[in-house]
PDB file of N, CA and C in Angstrom:
ATOM      1  N   UNK A   1     -31.342   2.402  -0.026  1.00  0.00           N
ATOM      2  CA  UNK A   1     -31.728   2.306   1.375  1.00  0.00           C
ATOM      3  C   UNK A   1     -32.838   3.313   1.639  1.00  0.00           C
ATOM      4  N   UNK A   2     -33.833   2.879   2.351  1.00  0.00           N
ATOM      5  CA  UNK A   2     -34.913   3.803   2.676  1.00  0.00           C
ATOM      6  C   UNK A   2     -34.482   4.705   3.830  1.00  0.00           C
ATOM      7  N   UNK A   3     -35.043   5.900   3.916  1.00  0.00           N
ATOM      8  CA  UNK A   3     -34.653   6.834   4.981  1.00  0.00           C
ATOM      9  C   UNK A   3     -34.936   6.250   6.367  1.00  0.00           C
ATOM     10  N   UNK A   4     -34.026   6.524   7.305  1.00  0.00           N
ATOM     11  CA  UNK A   4     -34.208   6.100   8.693  1.00  0.00           C
ATOM     12  C   UNK A   4     -34.054   7.318   9.593  1.00  0.00           C
ATOM     13  N   UNK A   5     -34.664   7.268  10.744  1.00  0.00           N
ATOM     14  CA  UNK A   5     -34.554   8.352  11.714  1.00  0.00           C
ATOM     15  C   UNK A   5     -33.105   8.438  12.187  1.00  0.00           C
ATOM     16  N   UNK A   6     -32.510   9.618  12.067  1.00  0.00           N
ATOM     17  CA  UNK A   6     -31.086   9.809  12.390  1.00  0.00           C
ATOM     18  C   UNK A   6     -30.769   9.487  13.840  1.00  0.00           C
ATOM     19  N   UNK A   7     -31.596   9.949  14.756  1.00  0.00           N
ATOM     20  CA  UNK A   7     -31.361   9.713  16.186  1.00  0.00           C
ATOM     21  C   UNK A   7     -31.440   8.221  16.498  1.00  0.00           C
ATOM     22  N   UNK A   8     -32.452   7.547  15.939  1.00  0.00           N
ATOM     23  CA  UNK A   8     -32.596   6.111  16.154  1.00  0.00           C
ATOM     24  C   UNK A   8     -31.402   5.349  15.574  1.00  0.00           C
ATOM     25  N   UNK A   9     -30.923   5.762  14.404  1.00  0.00           N
ATOM     26  CA  UNK A   9     -29.771   5.108  13.777  1.00  0.00           C
ATOM     27  C   UNK A   9     -28.529   5.269  14.651  1.00  0.00           C
ATOM     28  N   UNK A  10     -28.271   6.479  15.118  1.00  0.00           N
ATOM     29  CA  UNK A  10     -27.102   6.718  15.973  1.00  0.00           C
ATOM     30  C   UNK A  10     -27.210   5.906  17.256  1.00  0.00           C
ATOM     31  N   UNK A  11     -28.374   5.896  17.860  1.00  0.00           N
ATOM     32  CA  UNK A  11     -28.564   5.107  19.092  1.00  0.00           C
ATOM     33  C   UNK A  11     -28.347   3.620  18.846  1.00  0.00           C
ATOM     34  N   UNK A  12     -28.844   3.124  17.720  1.00  0.00           N
ATOM     35  CA  UNK A  12     -28.673   1.710  17.381  1.00  0.00           C
ATOM     36  C   UNK A  12     -27.198   1.378  17.142  1.00  0.00           C
ATOM     37  N   UNK A  13     -26.489   2.266  16.449  1.00  0.00           N
ATOM     38  CA  UNK A  13     -25.064   2.042  16.186  1.00  0.00           C
ATOM     39  C   UNK A  13     -24.251   2.112  17.478  1.00  0.00           C
ATOM     40  N   UNK A  14     -24.577   3.059  18.355  1.00  0.00           N
ATOM     41  CA  UNK A  14     -23.875   3.146  19.645  1.00  0.00           C
ATOM     42  C   UNK A  14     -24.104   1.884  20.470  1.00  0.00           C
ATOM     43  N   UNK A  15     -25.323   1.391  20.487  1.00  0.00           N
ATOM     44  CA  UNK A  15     -25.635   0.160  21.231  1.00  0.00           C
ATOM     45  C   UNK A  15     -24.877  -1.025  20.646  1.00  0.00           C
ATOM     46  N   UNK A  16     -24.760  -1.068  19.321  1.00  0.00           N
ATOM     47  CA  UNK A  16     -24.040  -2.159  18.668  1.00  0.00           C
ATOM     48  C   UNK A  16     -22.554  -2.113  19.024  1.00  0.00           C
ATOM     49  N   UNK A  17     -21.974  -0.922  19.064  1.00  0.00           N
ATOM     50  CA  UNK A  17     -20.560  -0.784  19.441  1.00  0.00           C
ATOM     51  C   UNK A  17     -20.364  -1.244  20.881  1.00  0.00           C
ATOM     52  N   UNK A  18     -21.247  -0.828  21.783  1.00  0.00           N
ATOM     53  CA  UNK A  18     -21.144  -1.240  23.187  1.00  0.00           C
ATOM     54  C   UNK A  18     -21.264  -2.756  23.330  1.00  0.00           C
ATOM     55  N   UNK A  19     -22.165  -3.343  22.548  1.00  0.00           N
ATOM     56  CA  UNK A  19     -22.339  -4.798  22.563  1.00  0.00           C
ATOM     57  C   UNK A  19     -21.060  -5.503  22.097  1.00  0.00           C
ATOM     58  N   UNK A  20     -20.454  -4.983  21.040  1.00  0.00           N
ATOM     59  CA  UNK A  20     -19.214  -5.566  20.522  1.00  0.00           C
ATOM     60  C   UNK A  20     -18.080  -5.426  21.537  1.00  0.00           C
ATOM     61  N   UNK A  21     -17.982  -4.275  22.197  1.00  0.00           N
ATOM     62  CA  UNK A  21     -16.949  -4.079  23.216  1.00  0.00           C
ATOM     63  C   UNK A  21     -17.144  -5.050  24.376  1.00  0.00           C
ATOM     64  N   UNK A  22     -18.363  -5.179  24.845  1.00  0.00           N
ATOM     65  CA  UNK A  22     -18.652  -6.097  25.951  1.00  0.00           C
ATOM     66  C   UNK A  22     -18.303  -7.532  25.577  1.00  0.00           C
ATOM     67  N   UNK A  23     -18.648  -7.932  24.371  1.00  0.00           N
ATOM     68  CA  UNK A  23     -18.361  -9.289  23.906  1.00  0.00           C
ATOM     69  C   UNK A  23     -16.852  -9.513  23.803  1.00  0.00           C
ATOM     70  N   UNK A  24     -16.123  -8.536  23.259  1.00  0.00           N
ATOM     71  CA  UNK A  24     -14.672  -8.663  23.140  1.00  0.00           C
ATOM     72  C   UNK A  24     -14.021  -8.783  24.509  1.00  0.00           C
ATOM     73  N   UNK A  25     -14.473  -7.987  25.448  1.00  0.00           N
ATOM     74  CA  UNK A  25     -13.923  -8.058  26.804  1.00  0.00           C
ATOM     75  C   UNK A  25     -14.211  -9.421  27.416  1.00  0.00           C
ATOM     76  N   UNK A  26     -15.453  -9.870  27.277  1.00  0.00           N
ATOM     77  CA  UNK A  26     -15.849 -11.162  27.850  1.00  0.00           C
ATOM     78  C   UNK A  26     -15.033 -12.313  27.258  1.00  0.00           C
ATOM     79  N   UNK A  27     -14.823 -12.294  25.962  1.00  0.00           N
ATOM     80  CA  UNK A  27     -14.164 -13.410  25.284  1.00  0.00           C
ATOM     81  C   UNK A  27     -12.642 -13.366  25.408  1.00  0.00           C
ATOM     82  N   UNK A  28     -12.048 -12.187  25.308  1.00  0.00           N
ATOM     83  CA  UNK A  28     -10.593 -12.093  25.176  1.00  0.00           C
ATOM     84  C   UNK A  28      -9.833 -11.611  26.411  1.00  0.00           C
ATOM     85  N   UNK A  29     -10.509 -10.985  27.354  1.00  0.00           N
ATOM     86  CA  UNK A  29      -9.820 -10.348  28.479  1.00  0.00           C
ATOM     87  C   UNK A  29      -8.937 -11.288  29.286  1.00  0.00           C
ATOM     88  N   UNK A  30      -9.358 -12.496  29.501  1.00  0.00           N
ATOM     89  CA  UNK A  30      -8.613 -13.414  30.366  1.00  0.00           C
ATOM     90  C   UNK A  30      -7.750 -14.423  29.622  1.00  0.00           C
ATOM     91  N   UNK A  31      -7.566 -14.207  28.326  1.00  0.00           N
ATOM     92  CA  UNK A  31      -6.697 -15.110  27.567  1.00  0.00           C
ATOM     93  C   UNK A  31      -5.234 -14.773  27.845  1.00  0.00           C
ATOM     94  N   UNK A  32      -4.389 -15.765  27.770  1.00  0.00           N
ATOM     95  CA  UNK A  32      -2.956 -15.548  27.967  1.00  0.00           C
ATOM     96  C   UNK A  32      -2.358 -14.929  26.707  1.00  0.00           C
ATOM     97  N   UNK A  33      -1.148 -14.386  26.832  1.00  0.00           N
ATOM     98  CA  UNK A  33      -0.453 -13.843  25.661  1.00  0.00           C
ATOM     99  C   UNK A  33      -0.264 -14.921  24.602  1.00  0.00           C
ATOM    100  N   UNK A  34       0.021 -16.139  25.056  1.00  0.00           N
ATOM    101  CA  UNK A  34       0.208 -17.247  24.113  1.00  0.00           C
ATOM    102  C   UNK A  34      -1.071 -17.501  23.315  1.00  0.00           C
ATOM    103  N   UNK A  35      -2.204 -17.510  24.005  1.00  0.00           N
ATOM    104  CA  UNK A  35      -3.485 -17.733  23.321  1.00  0.00           C
ATOM    105  C   UNK A  35      -3.806 -16.591  22.358  1.00  0.00           C
ATOM    106  N   UNK A  36      -3.543 -15.360  22.786  1.00  0.00           N
ATOM    107  CA  UNK A  36      -3.844 -14.205  21.945  1.00  0.00           C
ATOM    108  C   UNK A  36      -2.958 -14.150  20.696  1.00  0.00           C
ATOM    109  N   UNK A  37      -1.732 -14.639  20.813  1.00  0.00           N
ATOM    110  CA  UNK A  37      -0.775 -14.550  19.705  1.00  0.00           C
ATOM    111  C   UNK A  37      -0.683 -15.814  18.855  1.00  0.00           C
ATOM    112  N   UNK A  38      -1.449 -16.832  19.185  1.00  0.00           N
ATOM    113  CA  UNK A  38      -1.432 -18.079  18.417  1.00  0.00           C
ATOM    114  C   UNK A  38      -2.076 -17.849  17.047  1.00  0.00           C
ATOM    115  N   UNK A  39      -1.363 -18.256  15.997  1.00  0.00           N
ATOM    116  CA  UNK A  39      -1.896 -18.115  14.640  1.00  0.00           C
ATOM    117  C   UNK A  39      -3.153 -18.965  14.485  1.00  0.00           C
ATOM    118  N   UNK A  40      -4.051 -18.507  13.654  1.00  0.00           N
ATOM    119  CA  UNK A  40      -5.269 -19.256  13.360  1.00  0.00           C
ATOM    120  C   UNK A  40      -4.897 -20.574  12.674  1.00  0.00           C
ATOM    121  N   UNK A  41      -5.686 -21.630  12.892  1.00  0.00           N
ATOM    122  CA  UNK A  41      -5.382 -22.937  12.293  1.00  0.00           C
ATOM    123  C   UNK A  41      -5.265 -22.899  10.765  1.00  0.00           C
ATOM    124  N   UNK A  42      -5.987 -21.974  10.132  1.00  0.00           N
ATOM    125  CA  UNK A  42      -5.938 -21.898   8.670  1.00  0.00           C
ATOM    126  C   UNK A  42      -4.818 -20.983   8.170  1.00  0.00           C
ATOM    127  N   UNK A  43      -3.933 -20.562   9.090  1.00  0.00           N
ATOM    128  CA  UNK A  43      -2.824 -19.694   8.701  1.00  0.00           C
ATOM    129  C   UNK A  43      -3.157 -18.220   8.770  1.00  0.00           C
ATOM    130  N   UNK A  44      -4.382 -17.911   9.179  1.00  0.00           N
ATOM    131  CA  UNK A  44      -4.802 -16.513   9.288  1.00  0.00           C
ATOM    132  C   UNK A  44      -4.197 -15.830  10.498  1.00  0.00           C
ATOM    133  N   UNK A  45      -4.614 -14.615  10.712  1.00  0.00           N
ATOM    134  CA  UNK A  45      -4.081 -13.802  11.795  1.00  0.00           C
ATOM    135  C   UNK A  45      -4.458 -14.346  13.160  1.00  0.00           C
ATOM    136  N   UNK A  46      -3.644 -14.023  14.130  1.00  0.00           N
ATOM    137  CA  UNK A  46      -3.950 -14.347  15.528  1.00  0.00           C
ATOM    138  C   UNK A  46      -4.997 -13.357  16.044  1.00  0.00           C
ATOM    139  N   UNK A  47      -5.540 -13.645  17.214  1.00  0.00           N
ATOM    140  CA  UNK A  47      -6.501 -12.735  17.842  1.00  0.00           C
ATOM    141  C   UNK A  47      -5.859 -11.373  18.060  1.00  0.00           C
ATOM    142  N   UNK A  48      -4.627 -11.354  18.572  1.00  0.00           N
ATOM    143  CA  UNK A  48      -3.935 -10.092  18.837  1.00  0.00           C
ATOM    144  C   UNK A  48      -3.739  -9.293  17.547  1.00  0.00           C
ATOM    145  N   UNK A  49      -3.410  -9.971  16.460  1.00  0.00           N
ATOM    146  CA  UNK A  49      -3.232  -9.276  15.187  1.00  0.00           C
ATOM    147  C   UNK A  49      -4.548  -8.686  14.685  1.00  0.00           C
ATOM    148  N   UNK A  50      -5.630  -9.430  14.844  1.00  0.00           N
ATOM    149  CA  UNK A  50      -6.945  -8.924  14.421  1.00  0.00           C
ATOM    150  C   UNK A  50      -7.330  -7.685  15.236  1.00  0.00           C
ATOM    151  N   UNK A  51      -7.154  -7.765  16.556  1.00  0.00           N
ATOM    152  CA  UNK A  51      -7.502  -6.628  17.406  1.00  0.00           C
ATOM    153  C   UNK A  51      -6.611  -5.424  17.108  1.00  0.00           C
ATOM    154  N   UNK A  52      -5.327  -5.668  16.853  1.00  0.00           N
ATOM    155  CA  UNK A  52      -4.415  -4.580  16.494  1.00  0.00           C
ATOM    156  C   UNK A  52      -4.847  -3.931  15.184  1.00  0.00           C
ATOM    157  N   UNK A  53      -5.242  -4.740  14.224  1.00  0.00           N
ATOM    158  CA  UNK A  53      -5.698  -4.241  12.931  1.00  0.00           C
ATOM    159  C   UNK A  53      -6.937  -3.357  13.110  1.00  0.00           C
ATOM    160  N   UNK A  54      -7.896  -3.822  13.891  1.00  0.00           N
ATOM    161  CA  UNK A  54      -9.110  -3.034  14.128  1.00  0.00           C
ATOM    162  C   UNK A  54      -8.787  -1.725  14.836  1.00  0.00           C
ATOM    163  N   UNK A  55      -7.906  -1.790  15.826  1.00  0.00           N
ATOM    164  CA  UNK A  55      -7.526  -0.571  16.549  1.00  0.00           C
ATOM    165  C   UNK A  55      -6.799   0.417  15.645  1.00  0.00           C
ATOM    166  N   UNK A  56      -5.936  -0.078  14.758  1.00  0.00           N
ATOM    167  CA  UNK A  56      -5.207   0.835  13.868  1.00  0.00           C
ATOM    168  C   UNK A  56      -6.161   1.521  12.887  1.00  0.00           C
ATOM    169  N   UNK A  57      -7.163   0.809  12.424  1.00  0.00           N
ATOM    170  CA  UNK A  57      -8.161   1.437  11.559  1.00  0.00           C
ATOM    171  C   UNK A  57      -8.943   2.482  12.346  1.00  0.00           C
ATOM    172  N   UNK A  58      -9.298   2.167  13.589  1.00  0.00           N
ATOM    173  CA  UNK A  58      -9.994   3.138  14.426  1.00  0.00           C
ATOM    174  C   UNK A  58      -9.154   4.371  14.676  1.00  0.00           C
ATOM    175  N   UNK A  59      -7.849   4.179  14.900  1.00  0.00           N
ATOM    176  CA  UNK A  59      -6.949   5.315  15.124  1.00  0.00           C
ATOM    177  C   UNK A  59      -6.935   6.253  13.917  1.00  0.00           C
ATOM    178  N   UNK A  60      -7.117   5.695  12.738  1.00  0.00           N
ATOM    179  CA  UNK A  60      -7.127   6.515  11.530  1.00  0.00           C
ATOM    180  C   UNK A  60      -8.510   7.107  11.256  1.00  0.00           C
ATOM    181  N   UNK A  61      -9.543   6.261  11.261  1.00  0.00           N
ATOM    182  CA  UNK A  61     -10.856   6.695  10.796  1.00  0.00           C
ATOM    183  C   UNK A  61     -11.649   7.513  11.811  1.00  0.00           C
ATOM    184  N   UNK A  62     -11.520   7.240  13.080  1.00  0.00           N
ATOM    185  CA  UNK A  62     -12.314   7.987  14.060  1.00  0.00           C
ATOM    186  C   UNK A  62     -11.986   9.478  14.026  1.00  0.00           C
ATOM    187  N   UNK A  63     -10.708   9.885  14.031  1.00  0.00           N
ATOM    188  CA  UNK A  63     -10.426  11.325  13.903  1.00  0.00           C
ATOM    189  C   UNK A  63     -10.930  11.914  12.576  1.00  0.00           C
ATOM    190  N   UNK A  64     -10.841  11.134  11.487  1.00  0.00           N
ATOM    191  CA  UNK A  64     -11.334  11.616  10.189  1.00  0.00           C
ATOM    192  C   UNK A  64     -12.842  11.854  10.234  1.00  0.00           C
ATOM    193  N   UNK A  65     -13.571  10.949  10.881  1.00  0.00           N
ATOM    194  CA  UNK A  65     -15.021  11.127  10.996  1.00  0.00           C
ATOM    195  C   UNK A  65     -15.349  12.335  11.865  1.00  0.00           C
ATOM    196  N   UNK A  66     -14.607  12.501  12.961  1.00  0.00           N
ATOM    197  CA  UNK A  66     -14.832  13.652  13.840  1.00  0.00           C
ATOM    198  C   UNK A  66     -14.573  14.954  13.075  1.00  0.00           C
ATOM    199  N   UNK A  67     -13.506  14.981  12.274  1.00  0.00           N
ATOM    200  CA  UNK A  67     -13.197  16.139  11.432  1.00  0.00           C
ATOM    201  C   UNK A  67     -14.343  16.433  10.477  1.00  0.00           C
ATOM    202  N   UNK A  68     -14.816  15.394   9.823  1.00  0.00           N
ATOM    203  CA  UNK A  68     -15.911  15.553   8.872  1.00  0.00           C
ATOM    204  C   UNK A  68     -17.171  16.087   9.528  1.00  0.00           C
ATOM    205  N   UNK A  69     -17.451  15.630  10.733  1.00  0.00           N
ATOM    206  CA  UNK A  69     -18.640  16.118  11.428  1.00  0.00           C
ATOM    207  C   UNK A  69     -18.478  17.578  11.830  1.00  0.00           C
ATOM    208  N   UNK A  70     -17.270  17.968  12.238  1.00  0.00           N
ATOM    209  CA  UNK A  70     -17.019  19.359  12.610  1.00  0.00           C
ATOM    210  C   UNK A  70     -17.125  20.276  11.398  1.00  0.00           C
ATOM    211  N   UNK A  71     -16.672  19.806  10.238  1.00  0.00           N
ATOM    212  CA  UNK A  71     -16.662  20.607   9.020  1.00  0.00           C
ATOM    213  C   UNK A  71     -17.998  20.610   8.280  1.00  0.00           C
ATOM    214  N   UNK A  72     -18.930  19.777   8.690  1.00  0.00           N
ATOM    215  CA  UNK A  72     -20.202  19.634   7.979  1.00  0.00           C
ATOM    216  C   UNK A  72     -20.967  20.954   7.992  1.00  0.00           C
ATOM    217  N   UNK A  73     -21.349  21.410   6.804  1.00  0.00           N
ATOM    218  CA  UNK A  73     -22.046  22.679   6.666  1.00  0.00           C
ATOM    219  C   UNK A  73     -23.532  22.510   6.347  1.00  0.00           C
ATOM    220  N   UNK A  74     -23.950  21.292   6.127  1.00  0.00           N
ATOM    221  CA  UNK A  74     -25.341  21.043   5.760  1.00  0.00           C
ATOM    222  C   UNK A  74     -26.273  21.278   6.935  1.00  0.00           C
ATOM    223  N   UNK A  75     -27.533  21.340   6.650  1.00  0.00           N
ATOM    224  CA  UNK A  75     -28.525  21.516   7.697  1.00  0.00           C
ATOM    225  C   UNK A  75     -28.754  20.215   8.439  1.00  0.00           C
ATOM    226  N   UNK A  76     -29.344  20.323   9.597  1.00  0.00           N
ATOM    227  CA  UNK A  76     -29.647  19.105  10.345  1.00  0.00           C
ATOM    228  C   UNK A  76     -30.868  18.442   9.718  1.00  0.00           C
ATOM    229  N   UNK A  77     -30.865  17.146   9.756  1.00  0.00           N
ATOM    230  CA  UNK A  77     -31.966  16.387   9.184  1.00  0.00           C
ATOM    231  C   UNK A  77     -32.382  15.320  10.179  1.00  0.00           C
ATOM    232  N   UNK A  78     -33.672  15.082  10.233  1.00  0.00           N
ATOM    233  CA  UNK A  78     -34.152  14.057  11.159  1.00  0.00           C
ATOM    234  C   UNK A  78     -34.071  12.664  10.544  1.00  0.00           C
ATOM    235  N   UNK A  79     -33.719  12.614   9.246  1.00  0.00           N
ATOM    236  CA  UNK A  79     -33.598  11.309   8.596  1.00  0.00           C
ATOM    237  C   UNK A  79     -32.249  11.176   7.899  1.00  0.00           C
ATOM    238  N   UNK A  80     -31.841   9.925   7.731  1.00  0.00           N
ATOM    239  CA  UNK A  80     -30.605   9.599   7.029  1.00  0.00           C
ATOM    240  C   UNK A  80     -30.941   8.629   5.910  1.00  0.00           C
ATOM    241  N   UNK A  81     -30.408   8.902   4.731  1.00  0.00           N
ATOM    242  CA  UNK A  81     -30.552   8.000   3.596  1.00  0.00           C
ATOM    243  C   UNK A  81     -29.172   7.763   3.019  1.00  0.00           C
ATOM    244  N   UNK A  82     -28.771   6.515   2.930  1.00  0.00           N
ATOM    245  CA  UNK A  82     -27.467   6.172   2.383  1.00  0.00           C
ATOM    246  C   UNK A  82     -27.494   6.278   0.872  1.00  0.00           C
ATOM    247  N   UNK A  83     -26.310   6.384   0.288  1.00  0.00           N
ATOM    248  CA  UNK A  83     -26.183   6.371  -1.176  1.00  0.00           C
ATOM    249  C   UNK A  83     -25.964   4.932  -1.626  1.00  0.00           C
ATOM    250  N   UNK A  84     -25.988   4.706  -2.914  1.00  0.00           N
ATOM    251  CA  UNK A  84     -25.737   3.367  -3.455  1.00  0.00           C
ATOM    252  C   UNK A  84     -24.338   2.902  -3.075  1.00  0.00           C
ATOM    253  N   UNK A  85     -23.380   3.842  -3.050  1.00  0.00           N
ATOM    254  CA  UNK A  85     -22.008   3.484  -2.707  1.00  0.00           C
ATOM    255  C   UNK A  85     -21.905   3.105  -1.224  1.00  0.00           C
ATOM    256  N   UNK A  86     -22.584   3.849  -0.380  1.00  0.00           N
ATOM    257  CA  UNK A  86     -22.609   3.516   1.046  1.00  0.00           C
ATOM    258  C   UNK A  86     -23.226   2.148   1.281  1.00  0.00           C
ATOM    259  N   UNK A  87     -24.312   1.853   0.577  1.00  0.00           N
ATOM    260  CA  UNK A  87     -24.954   0.538   0.683  1.00  0.00           C
ATOM    261  C   UNK A  87     -24.012  -0.570   0.230  1.00  0.00           C
ATOM    262  N   UNK A  88     -23.291  -0.322  -0.854  1.00  0.00           N
ATOM    263  CA  UNK A  88     -22.356  -1.304  -1.392  1.00  0.00           C
ATOM    264  C   UNK A  88     -21.290  -1.660  -0.350  1.00  0.00           C
ATOM    265  N   UNK A  89     -20.657  -0.630   0.231  1.00  0.00           N
ATOM    266  CA  UNK A  89     -19.599  -0.883   1.202  1.00  0.00           C
ATOM    267  C   UNK A  89     -20.137  -1.489   2.491  1.00  0.00           C
ATOM    268  N   UNK A  90     -21.313  -1.080   2.909  1.00  0.00           N
ATOM    269  CA  UNK A  90     -21.915  -1.655   4.113  1.00  0.00           C
ATOM    270  C   UNK A  90     -22.150  -3.144   3.922  1.00  0.00           C
ATOM    271  N   UNK A  91     -22.710  -3.519   2.777  1.00  0.00           N
ATOM    272  CA  UNK A  91     -22.941  -4.944   2.497  1.00  0.00           C
ATOM    273  C   UNK A  91     -21.636  -5.705   2.349  1.00  0.00           C
ATOM    274  N   UNK A  92     -20.629  -5.071   1.739  1.00  0.00           N
ATOM    275  CA  UNK A  92     -19.352  -5.732   1.521  1.00  0.00           C
ATOM    276  C   UNK A  92     -18.644  -6.012   2.855  1.00  0.00           C
ATOM    277  N   UNK A  93     -18.790  -5.129   3.824  1.00  0.00           N
ATOM    278  CA  UNK A  93     -18.108  -5.284   5.102  1.00  0.00           C
ATOM    279  C   UNK A  93     -18.912  -6.080   6.129  1.00  0.00           C
ATOM    280  N   UNK A  94     -20.166  -6.341   5.844  1.00  0.00           N
ATOM    281  CA  UNK A  94     -21.015  -7.098   6.761  1.00  0.00           C
ATOM    282  C   UNK A  94     -20.660  -8.581   6.657  1.00  0.00           C
ATOM    283  N   UNK A  95     -20.288  -9.220   7.787  1.00  0.00           N
ATOM    284  CA  UNK A  95     -19.916 -10.644   7.735  1.00  0.00           C
ATOM    285  C   UNK A  95     -21.021 -11.539   7.163  1.00  0.00           C
ATOM    286  N   UNK A  96     -22.276 -11.145   7.318  1.00  0.00           N
ATOM    287  CA  UNK A  96     -23.375 -11.978   6.831  1.00  0.00           C
ATOM    288  C   UNK A  96     -23.542 -11.881   5.315  1.00  0.00           C
ATOM    289  N   UNK A  97     -23.196 -10.739   4.721  1.00  0.00           N
ATOM    290  CA  UNK A  97     -23.435 -10.559   3.287  1.00  0.00           C
ATOM    291  C   UNK A  97     -22.165 -10.357   2.475  1.00  0.00           C
ATOM    292  N   UNK A  98     -21.076  -9.978   3.112  1.00  0.00           N
ATOM    293  CA  UNK A  98     -19.829  -9.716   2.398  1.00  0.00           C
ATOM    294  C   UNK A  98     -18.943 -10.941   2.380  1.00  0.00           C
ATOM    295  N   UNK A  99     -18.994 -11.702   1.335  1.00  0.00           N
ATOM    296  CA  UNK A  99     -18.246 -12.965   1.258  1.00  0.00           C
ATOM    297  C   UNK A  99     -16.896 -12.813   0.567  1.00  0.00           C
ATOM    298  N   UNK A 100     -16.631 -11.655  -0.004  1.00  0.00           N
ATOM    299  CA  UNK A 100     -15.397 -11.458  -0.751  1.00  0.00           C
ATOM    300  C   UNK A 100     -14.239 -11.153   0.194  1.00  0.00           C
ATOM    301  N   UNK A 101     -13.120 -11.841   0.029  1.00  0.00           N
ATOM    302  CA  UNK A 101     -11.925 -11.592   0.829  1.00  0.00           C
ATOM    303  C   UNK A 101     -11.330 -10.261   0.403  1.00  0.00           C
ATOM    304  N   UNK A 102     -10.849  -9.510   1.399  1.00  0.00           N
ATOM    305  CA  UNK A 102     -10.229  -8.223   1.112  1.00  0.00           C
ATOM    306  C   UNK A 102      -8.803  -8.225   1.647  1.00  0.00           C
ATOM    307  N   UNK A 103      -7.916  -7.581   0.943  1.00  0.00           N
ATOM    308  CA  UNK A 103      -6.535  -7.446   1.382  1.00  0.00           C
ATOM    309  C   UNK A 103      -6.475  -6.374   2.462  1.00  0.00           C
ATOM    310  N   UNK A 104      -5.669  -6.617   3.468  1.00  0.00           N
ATOM    311  CA  UNK A 104      -5.479  -5.634   4.532  1.00  0.00           C
ATOM    312  C   UNK A 104      -4.003  -5.579   4.868  1.00  0.00           C
ATOM    313  N   UNK A 105      -3.581  -4.433   5.358  1.00  0.00           N
ATOM    314  CA  UNK A 105      -2.202  -4.304   5.788  1.00  0.00           C
ATOM    315  C   UNK A 105      -1.964  -5.211   6.988  1.00  0.00           C
ATOM    316  N   UNK A 106      -0.823  -5.835   7.029  1.00  0.00           N
ATOM    317  CA  UNK A 106      -0.493  -6.692   8.163  1.00  0.00           C
ATOM    318  C   UNK A 106      -0.329  -5.844   9.420  1.00  0.00           C
ATOM    319  N   UNK A 107      -0.816  -6.327  10.550  1.00  0.00           N
ATOM    320  CA  UNK A 107      -0.682  -5.564  11.788  1.00  0.00           C
ATOM    321  C   UNK A 107       0.780  -5.491  12.239  1.00  0.00           C
ATOM    322  N   UNK A 108       1.105  -4.427  12.926  1.00  0.00           N
ATOM    323  CA  UNK A 108       2.450  -4.239  13.453  1.00  0.00           C
ATOM    324  C   UNK A 108       2.393  -4.497  14.956  1.00  0.00           C
ATOM    325  N   UNK A 109       3.030  -5.561  15.401  1.00  0.00           N
ATOM    326  CA  UNK A 109       3.030  -5.885  16.829  1.00  0.00           C
ATOM    327  C   UNK A 109       4.422  -5.789  17.396  1.00  0.00           C
TER     328      UNK A 109
END
């Protein structure tokens, strides 16, 4: 990955999160419990299970990231460059490029 401006990257990621939150609210806010808990036609998770899964990952990873940022001893940099491993996981998790199915813990509802 080529270096990117750190401030621009953070701003872009924050905007993307806000966009995803707005879309989730727009699409799911007025659904009934029955609609939210209905299993997917292909046997996959319900909407509620997917949202629970995402929230549980956030409950774990967000504090870990905050800890890492507090503990960071490196100097400030105006640019960010990902490693090959970071690029690999980013592509693997991107719906457009990550086609491989991954196992996940079942949500607890």
